[in-house]
Protein backbone atom coordinates (compact mmCIF):
# COMPACT_ATOMS: atom_id res chain seq x y z
CA MET A 1 -24.00 59.26 -7.35
CA HIS A 2 -21.30 60.97 -5.27
CA ASN A 3 -18.31 62.72 -6.81
CA GLY A 4 -16.03 59.85 -5.77
CA GLN A 5 -18.22 57.37 -7.62
CA LEU A 6 -18.45 59.69 -10.61
CA GLY A 7 -14.67 59.98 -10.67
CA GLU A 8 -14.36 56.20 -10.64
CA SER A 9 -16.91 55.93 -13.43
CA GLU A 10 -15.02 58.52 -15.47
CA SER A 11 -11.82 56.48 -15.02
CA ASP A 12 -13.62 53.28 -15.99
CA PHE A 13 -14.95 54.85 -19.20
CA THR A 14 -11.49 56.22 -19.98
CA VAL A 15 -10.12 52.68 -19.84
CA ILE A 16 -12.98 51.36 -21.96
CA LEU A 17 -12.45 54.12 -24.54
CA SER A 18 -8.71 53.43 -24.72
CA GLN A 19 -9.57 49.86 -25.73
CA HIS A 20 -12.70 50.61 -27.82
CA PRO A 21 -12.45 54.17 -29.19
CA ASP A 22 -15.08 53.47 -31.86
CA VAL A 23 -18.02 53.09 -29.43
CA SER A 24 -19.97 56.34 -29.66
CA GLU A 25 -22.24 55.53 -26.71
CA ALA A 26 -19.21 55.15 -24.41
CA TRP A 27 -18.08 58.66 -25.39
CA ALA A 28 -21.58 59.96 -24.66
CA GLN A 29 -21.71 58.21 -21.29
CA ARG A 30 -18.36 59.67 -20.24
CA ALA A 31 -19.61 63.08 -21.38
CA MET A 32 -22.61 62.78 -19.05
CA ILE A 33 -20.31 61.86 -16.18
CA ARG A 34 -17.99 64.74 -16.96
CA GLN A 35 -20.92 67.15 -17.13
CA SER A 36 -21.98 65.99 -13.65
CA LEU A 37 -18.43 66.61 -12.43
CA GLY A 38 -18.48 70.13 -13.87
CA LYS A 39 -15.91 69.25 -16.55
CA LEU A 40 -17.94 70.91 -19.27
CA ASP A 41 -15.20 71.48 -21.84
CA GLU A 42 -14.17 67.83 -21.58
CA ALA A 43 -17.82 66.77 -21.87
CA VAL A 44 -18.20 68.76 -25.10
CA ALA A 45 -15.01 67.17 -26.47
CA ASP A 46 -16.38 63.70 -25.69
CA LEU A 47 -19.66 64.52 -27.41
CA ASP A 48 -17.81 65.87 -30.44
CA ARG A 49 -16.01 62.53 -30.69
CA ALA A 50 -19.26 60.60 -30.24
CA LEU A 51 -20.92 62.62 -32.99
CA LEU A 52 -18.03 61.97 -35.37
CA LEU A 53 -18.75 58.28 -34.91
CA LYS A 54 -22.53 58.54 -35.04
CA HIS A 55 -23.77 61.52 -37.05
CA ASP A 56 -27.50 60.92 -36.56
CA ALA A 57 -27.45 60.95 -32.76
CA SER A 58 -30.01 63.62 -31.88
CA ARG A 59 -29.78 62.91 -28.13
CA MET A 60 -26.04 63.57 -28.20
CA ARG A 61 -26.54 66.78 -30.20
CA LEU A 62 -29.13 67.97 -27.68
CA MET A 63 -26.83 67.21 -24.74
CA ARG A 64 -23.94 69.02 -26.48
CA GLY A 65 -26.15 72.06 -27.06
CA ARG A 66 -27.18 72.19 -23.41
CA ILE A 67 -23.58 72.04 -22.24
CA LEU A 68 -22.53 74.74 -24.71
CA LYS A 69 -25.35 76.90 -23.35
CA LEU A 70 -23.95 76.42 -19.83
CA LEU A 71 -20.55 77.46 -21.16
CA LYS A 72 -22.22 80.44 -22.88
CA ARG A 73 -20.91 79.47 -26.32
């Protein structure tokens, strides 16, 4: 996916999340897009929100850990 398509996807998920903020998978998907765009802090914030909604999401915890490692936190 090119950055333009990723940007569009990020916008699409932002709209979805404004209408359905309780869908943890949508937060995780936007986090993956944001990670690809280099928006690592925003990706971590999205994953934090996803994990608040779904505590037992090991895939999301793993992705969050990898991003934090990239951020050296």
